[in-house]
Amino acid sequence: MEDCIFCKIANKEMGSLLYEDDKVAAFNDINAQAPIHILIVPKKHISTLNELREEDEALVGHMAFVASNLAKEKGIDKNGYRLIMNCNHDAGQTVFHIHMHLLGGKPLKAGLA
């Protein structure tokens, strides 16, 4: 999608990447909610979780795998971290390209909100 900011970042048209492979890219969230707040995005544009297809199942698993490796690299795997994916406005999705938030580096409040 030509106007998607996450597509532009994943394609290295802007910003800088912390991690990249043939399926996903990862970068720091500019609106960090924790000392470590990384976004993992697929290179394939998928607007919301509702648009996932059966063939995307492995892609979402790969996103979680990359997140766990980044948590180890950042040294937050032992104390803990949180992974979040939002779907649509009511859940807080503001960029309509699926993405996984990796948050950690401090104790995070319990709960869903």
N, C-alpha and C. Protein backbone atom coordinates (compact mmCIF):
# COMPACT_ATOMS: atom_id res chain seq x y z
N MET A 1 0.86 -1.18 0.00
CA MET A 1 0.00 0.00 0.00
C MET A 1 0.89 1.22 0.00
N GLU A 2 0.65 2.12 -0.90
CA GLU A 2 1.59 3.20 -1.15
C GLU A 2 1.64 4.28 -0.07
N ASP A 3 0.56 4.53 0.66
CA ASP A 3 0.57 5.57 1.70
C ASP A 3 0.79 5.02 3.10
N CYS A 4 1.08 3.77 3.24
CA CYS A 4 1.22 3.14 4.56
C CYS A 4 2.61 3.43 5.14
N ILE A 5 2.63 4.08 6.29
CA ILE A 5 3.91 4.43 6.92
C ILE A 5 4.71 3.18 7.30
N PHE A 6 4.03 2.12 7.75
CA PHE A 6 4.76 0.91 8.12
C PHE A 6 5.33 0.20 6.90
N CYS A 7 4.64 0.26 5.76
CA CYS A 7 5.21 -0.28 4.52
C CYS A 7 6.47 0.49 4.15
N LYS A 8 6.42 1.81 4.28
CA LYS A 8 7.58 2.63 3.95
C LYS A 8 8.77 2.32 4.86
N ILE A 9 8.51 2.13 6.15
CA ILE A 9 9.60 1.80 7.08
C ILE A 9 10.14 0.41 6.76
N ALA A 10 9.26 -0.56 6.57
CA ALA A 10 9.70 -1.94 6.27
C ALA A 10 10.48 -2.01 4.97
N ASN A 11 10.16 -1.12 4.01
CA ASN A 11 10.87 -1.08 2.73
C ASN A 11 12.08 -0.15 2.76
N LYS A 12 12.42 0.34 3.95
CA LYS A 12 13.59 1.20 4.16
C LYS A 12 13.52 2.52 3.40
N GLU A 13 12.30 3.00 3.19
CA GLU A 13 12.12 4.31 2.55
C GLU A 13 12.21 5.43 3.59
N MET A 14 12.07 5.08 4.87
CA MET A 14 12.18 6.05 5.96
C MET A 14 12.47 5.30 7.26
N GLY A 15 12.97 6.03 8.25
CA GLY A 15 13.25 5.43 9.54
C GLY A 15 14.44 4.49 9.50
N SER A 16 14.64 3.78 10.61
CA SER A 16 15.73 2.80 10.67
C SER A 16 15.23 1.54 11.35
N LEU A 17 15.76 0.43 10.91
CA LEU A 17 15.32 -0.88 11.38
C LEU A 17 16.27 -1.44 12.43
N LEU A 18 15.69 -2.14 13.41
CA LEU A 18 16.47 -2.88 14.40
C LEU A 18 16.71 -4.31 13.92
N TYR A 19 15.78 -4.80 13.09
CA TYR A 19 15.83 -6.17 12.60
C TYR A 19 15.08 -6.24 11.28
N GLU A 20 15.56 -7.13 10.41
CA GLU A 20 14.88 -7.35 9.13
C GLU A 20 15.21 -8.75 8.63
N ASP A 21 14.21 -9.40 8.06
CA ASP A 21 14.43 -10.62 7.29
C ASP A 21 13.50 -10.55 6.09
N ASP A 22 13.31 -11.65 5.40
CA ASP A 22 12.49 -11.60 4.18
C ASP A 22 10.99 -11.46 4.47
N LYS A 23 10.57 -11.67 5.73
CA LYS A 23 9.14 -11.63 6.07
C LYS A 23 8.72 -10.44 6.90
N VAL A 24 9.60 -9.98 7.82
CA VAL A 24 9.23 -8.93 8.76
C VAL A 24 10.34 -7.90 8.93
N ALA A 25 9.95 -6.78 9.52
CA ALA A 25 10.90 -5.75 9.92
C ALA A 25 10.52 -5.32 11.34
N ALA A 26 11.50 -4.84 12.10
CA ALA A 26 11.25 -4.38 13.46
C ALA A 26 11.96 -3.05 13.67
N PHE A 27 11.30 -2.18 14.42
CA PHE A 27 11.85 -0.85 14.67
C PHE A 27 11.28 -0.31 15.98
N ASN A 28 11.94 0.68 16.54
CA ASN A 28 11.47 1.31 17.77
C ASN A 28 10.20 2.10 17.52
N ASP A 29 9.26 2.01 18.47
CA ASP A 29 8.03 2.78 18.40
C ASP A 29 8.36 4.22 18.76
N ILE A 30 7.93 5.18 17.95
CA ILE A 30 8.23 6.59 18.24
C ILE A 30 7.40 7.12 19.40
N ASN A 31 6.35 6.40 19.79
CA ASN A 31 5.51 6.77 20.92
C ASN A 31 5.65 5.70 22.01
N ALA A 32 6.87 5.48 22.45
CA ALA A 32 7.18 4.37 23.37
C ALA A 32 6.38 4.45 24.66
N GLN A 33 5.84 3.30 25.06
CA GLN A 33 5.07 3.18 26.30
C GLN A 33 5.86 2.44 27.38
N ALA A 34 7.08 2.07 27.08
CA ALA A 34 7.97 1.37 28.01
C ALA A 34 9.40 1.65 27.56
N PRO A 35 10.38 1.40 28.44
CA PRO A 35 11.77 1.64 28.04
C PRO A 35 12.15 0.91 26.74
N ILE A 36 11.61 -0.29 26.57
CA ILE A 36 11.78 -1.00 25.30
C ILE A 36 10.40 -1.16 24.69
N HIS A 37 10.22 -0.59 23.53
CA HIS A 37 8.94 -0.67 22.82
C HIS A 37 9.26 -0.78 21.33
N ILE A 38 9.22 -2.00 20.86
CA ILE A 38 9.58 -2.32 19.47
C ILE A 38 8.34 -2.79 18.74
N LEU A 39 8.20 -2.38 17.50
CA LEU A 39 7.12 -2.85 16.64
C LEU A 39 7.67 -3.86 15.65
N ILE A 40 6.98 -4.97 15.51
CA ILE A 40 7.33 -5.99 14.53
C ILE A 40 6.21 -5.99 13.50
N VAL A 41 6.57 -5.73 12.24
CA VAL A 41 5.57 -5.62 11.18
C VAL A 41 5.90 -6.57 10.04
N PRO A 42 4.88 -7.17 9.44
CA PRO A 42 5.15 -7.99 8.26
C PRO A 42 5.45 -7.08 7.07
N LYS A 43 6.26 -7.55 6.16
CA LYS A 43 6.52 -6.79 4.93
C LYS A 43 5.30 -6.83 4.01
N LYS A 44 4.50 -7.87 4.15
CA LYS A 44 3.25 -7.97 3.41
C LYS A 44 2.23 -7.05 4.08
N HIS A 45 1.59 -6.19 3.30
CA HIS A 45 0.59 -5.29 3.89
C HIS A 45 -0.71 -6.06 4.16
N ILE A 46 -1.08 -6.08 5.44
CA ILE A 46 -2.36 -6.63 5.89
C ILE A 46 -2.92 -5.57 6.82
N SER A 47 -4.08 -5.03 6.51
CA SER A 47 -4.61 -3.89 7.26
C SER A 47 -4.94 -4.20 8.71
N THR A 48 -5.70 -5.26 8.96
CA THR A 48 -6.08 -5.62 10.32
C THR A 48 -6.00 -7.13 10.47
N LEU A 49 -6.09 -7.59 11.69
CA LEU A 49 -6.11 -9.02 11.95
C LEU A 49 -7.29 -9.68 11.26
N ASN A 50 -8.35 -8.93 11.04
CA ASN A 50 -9.53 -9.47 10.35
C ASN A 50 -9.26 -9.85 8.91
N GLU A 51 -8.21 -9.31 8.32
CA GLU A 51 -7.87 -9.61 6.92
C GLU A 51 -6.89 -10.77 6.79
N LEU A 52 -6.47 -11.36 7.91
CA LEU A 52 -5.57 -12.51 7.82
C LEU A 52 -6.20 -13.65 7.05
N ARG A 53 -5.39 -14.33 6.28
CA ARG A 53 -5.83 -15.51 5.55
C ARG A 53 -5.08 -16.73 6.10
N GLU A 54 -5.55 -17.89 5.77
CA GLU A 54 -4.91 -19.10 6.27
C GLU A 54 -3.42 -19.13 5.96
N GLU A 55 -3.04 -18.63 4.80
CA GLU A 55 -1.63 -18.64 4.43
C GLU A 55 -0.78 -17.67 5.26
N ASP A 56 -1.43 -16.79 6.05
CA ASP A 56 -0.70 -15.85 6.90
C ASP A 56 -0.43 -16.40 8.30
N GLU A 57 -0.93 -17.59 8.60
CA GLU A 57 -0.78 -18.16 9.93
C GLU A 57 0.69 -18.25 10.34
N ALA A 58 1.53 -18.74 9.47
CA ALA A 58 2.96 -18.86 9.78
C ALA A 58 3.61 -17.49 9.94
N LEU A 59 3.13 -16.50 9.21
CA LEU A 59 3.68 -15.15 9.29
C LEU A 59 3.47 -14.57 10.69
N VAL A 60 2.29 -14.73 11.25
CA VAL A 60 2.02 -14.21 12.59
C VAL A 60 2.85 -14.97 13.63
N GLY A 61 3.00 -16.26 13.46
CA GLY A 61 3.89 -17.03 14.33
C GLY A 61 5.33 -16.55 14.22
N HIS A 62 5.75 -16.22 13.02
CA HIS A 62 7.12 -15.72 12.81
C HIS A 62 7.29 -14.38 13.52
N MET A 63 6.27 -13.54 13.50
CA MET A 63 6.34 -12.26 14.21
C MET A 63 6.60 -12.49 15.70
N ALA A 64 5.89 -13.46 16.31
CA ALA A 64 6.09 -13.77 17.72
C ALA A 64 7.49 -14.34 17.97
N PHE A 65 7.97 -15.17 17.06
CA PHE A 65 9.31 -15.74 17.17
C PHE A 65 10.36 -14.63 17.13
N VAL A 66 10.22 -13.69 16.21
CA VAL A 66 11.15 -12.57 16.12
C VAL A 66 11.07 -11.72 17.39
N ALA A 67 9.87 -11.50 17.90
CA ALA A 67 9.71 -10.72 19.13
C ALA A 67 10.45 -11.38 20.29
N SER A 68 10.34 -12.69 20.42
CA SER A 68 11.01 -13.38 21.52
C SER A 68 12.53 -13.29 21.37
N ASN A 69 13.02 -13.36 20.15
CA ASN A 69 14.47 -13.20 19.93
C ASN A 69 14.93 -11.78 20.24
N LEU A 70 14.12 -10.79 19.88
CA LEU A 70 14.46 -9.40 20.21
C LEU A 70 14.44 -9.18 21.72
N ALA A 71 13.51 -9.82 22.42
CA ALA A 71 13.45 -9.71 23.88
C ALA A 71 14.74 -10.27 24.49
N LYS A 72 15.22 -11.38 23.96
CA LYS A 72 16.49 -11.94 24.44
C LYS A 72 17.64 -10.98 24.14
N GLU A 73 17.66 -10.45 22.93
CA GLU A 73 18.73 -9.53 22.53
C GLU A 73 18.75 -8.28 23.40
N LYS A 74 17.58 -7.81 23.80
CA LYS A 74 17.47 -6.59 24.62
C LYS A 74 17.59 -6.89 26.11
N GLY A 75 17.69 -8.17 26.48
CA GLY A 75 17.88 -8.54 27.87
C GLY A 75 16.63 -8.46 28.73
N ILE A 76 15.46 -8.55 28.12
CA ILE A 76 14.21 -8.48 28.89
C ILE A 76 13.49 -9.81 28.95
N ASP A 77 14.10 -10.85 28.41
CA ASP A 77 13.44 -12.16 28.37
C ASP A 77 13.30 -12.78 29.75
N LYS A 78 14.24 -12.56 30.64
CA LYS A 78 14.19 -13.20 31.96
C LYS A 78 13.17 -12.52 32.89
N ASN A 79 13.17 -11.19 32.91
CA ASN A 79 12.23 -10.47 33.79
C ASN A 79 10.82 -10.42 33.22
N GLY A 80 10.71 -10.48 31.91
CA GLY A 80 9.39 -10.51 31.28
C GLY A 80 9.15 -9.37 30.31
N TYR A 81 8.22 -9.64 29.41
CA TYR A 81 7.83 -8.66 28.40
C TYR A 81 6.39 -8.95 27.99
N ARG A 82 5.83 -8.03 27.27
CA ARG A 82 4.45 -8.16 26.81
C ARG A 82 4.42 -8.02 25.29
N LEU A 83 3.59 -8.86 24.65
CA LEU A 83 3.32 -8.74 23.22
C LEU A 83 1.86 -8.35 23.06
N ILE A 84 1.61 -7.36 22.21
CA ILE A 84 0.24 -6.87 21.99
C ILE A 84 0.01 -6.69 20.50
N MET A 85 -1.17 -7.11 20.05
CA MET A 85 -1.65 -6.80 18.70
C MET A 85 -3.05 -6.23 18.86
N ASN A 86 -3.29 -5.06 18.29
CA ASN A 86 -4.59 -4.40 18.35
C ASN A 86 -5.31 -4.57 17.03
N CYS A 87 -6.64 -4.63 17.07
CA CYS A 87 -7.43 -4.75 15.85
C CYS A 87 -8.55 -3.72 15.85
N ASN A 88 -8.43 -2.76 14.98
CA ASN A 88 -9.42 -1.70 14.74
C ASN A 88 -9.42 -0.64 15.84
N HIS A 89 -10.22 0.39 15.61
CA HIS A 89 -10.21 1.61 16.43
C HIS A 89 -10.46 1.37 17.91
N ASP A 90 -11.50 0.61 18.25
CA ASP A 90 -11.84 0.42 19.66
C ASP A 90 -10.73 -0.27 20.44
N ALA A 91 -9.89 -1.01 19.79
CA ALA A 91 -8.77 -1.69 20.45
C ALA A 91 -7.52 -0.81 20.49
N GLY A 92 -7.56 0.32 19.82
CA GLY A 92 -6.41 1.23 19.83
C GLY A 92 -5.52 1.17 18.60
N GLN A 93 -5.95 0.45 17.56
CA GLN A 93 -5.13 0.40 16.34
C GLN A 93 -5.19 1.75 15.66
N THR A 94 -4.04 2.37 15.44
CA THR A 94 -3.99 3.69 14.79
C THR A 94 -3.32 3.64 13.42
N VAL A 95 -2.48 2.62 13.19
CA VAL A 95 -1.88 2.42 11.87
C VAL A 95 -2.46 1.11 11.34
N PHE A 96 -3.08 1.18 10.17
CA PHE A 96 -3.78 0.02 9.65
C PHE A 96 -2.88 -0.83 8.74
N HIS A 97 -1.92 -1.43 9.43
CA HIS A 97 -0.98 -2.43 8.91
C HIS A 97 -0.69 -3.25 10.16
N ILE A 98 -1.03 -4.54 10.15
CA ILE A 98 -0.88 -5.30 11.40
C ILE A 98 0.54 -5.17 11.93
N HIS A 99 0.63 -5.15 13.25
CA HIS A 99 1.91 -5.03 13.90
C HIS A 99 1.81 -5.57 15.31
N MET A 100 2.94 -6.03 15.81
CA MET A 100 3.03 -6.57 17.16
C MET A 100 3.91 -5.65 17.97
N HIS A 101 3.41 -5.26 19.15
CA HIS A 101 4.18 -4.44 20.07
C HIS A 101 4.94 -5.37 21.02
N LEU A 102 6.22 -5.12 21.19
CA LEU A 102 7.05 -5.78 22.19
C LEU A 102 7.39 -4.73 23.22
N LEU A 103 6.90 -4.91 24.45
CA LEU A 103 7.13 -3.94 25.51
C LEU A 103 7.83 -4.59 26.68
N GLY A 104 8.77 -3.88 27.28
CA GLY A 104 9.46 -4.38 28.46
C GLY A 104 10.48 -3.39 28.96
N GLY A 105 11.30 -3.86 29.88
CA GLY A 105 12.33 -2.99 30.46
C GLY A 105 11.93 -2.36 31.77
N LYS A 106 10.70 -2.63 32.23
CA LYS A 106 10.21 -2.17 33.53
C LYS A 106 9.02 -3.05 33.88
N PRO A 107 8.62 -3.08 35.15
CA PRO A 107 7.41 -3.82 35.49
C PRO A 107 6.20 -3.17 34.80
N LEU A 108 5.41 -3.98 34.14
CA LEU A 108 4.23 -3.49 33.44
C LEU A 108 3.00 -3.78 34.28
N LYS A 109 2.05 -2.86 34.26
CA LYS A 109 0.82 -3.05 35.03
C LYS A 109 0.06 -4.27 34.52
N ALA A 110 -0.54 -5.01 35.44
CA ALA A 110 -1.36 -6.15 35.07
C ALA A 110 -2.69 -5.66 34.52
N GLY A 111 -3.33 -6.48 33.75
CA GLY A 111 -4.65 -6.13 33.24
C GLY A 111 -4.67 -5.99 31.74
N LEU A 112 -5.85 -5.82 31.23
CA LEU A 112 -6.03 -5.73 29.78
C LEU A 112 -6.15 -4.31 29.28
N ALA A 113 -6.36 -3.36 30.14
CA ALA A 113 -6.57 -1.98 29.67
C ALA A 113 -5.37 -1.12 29.91
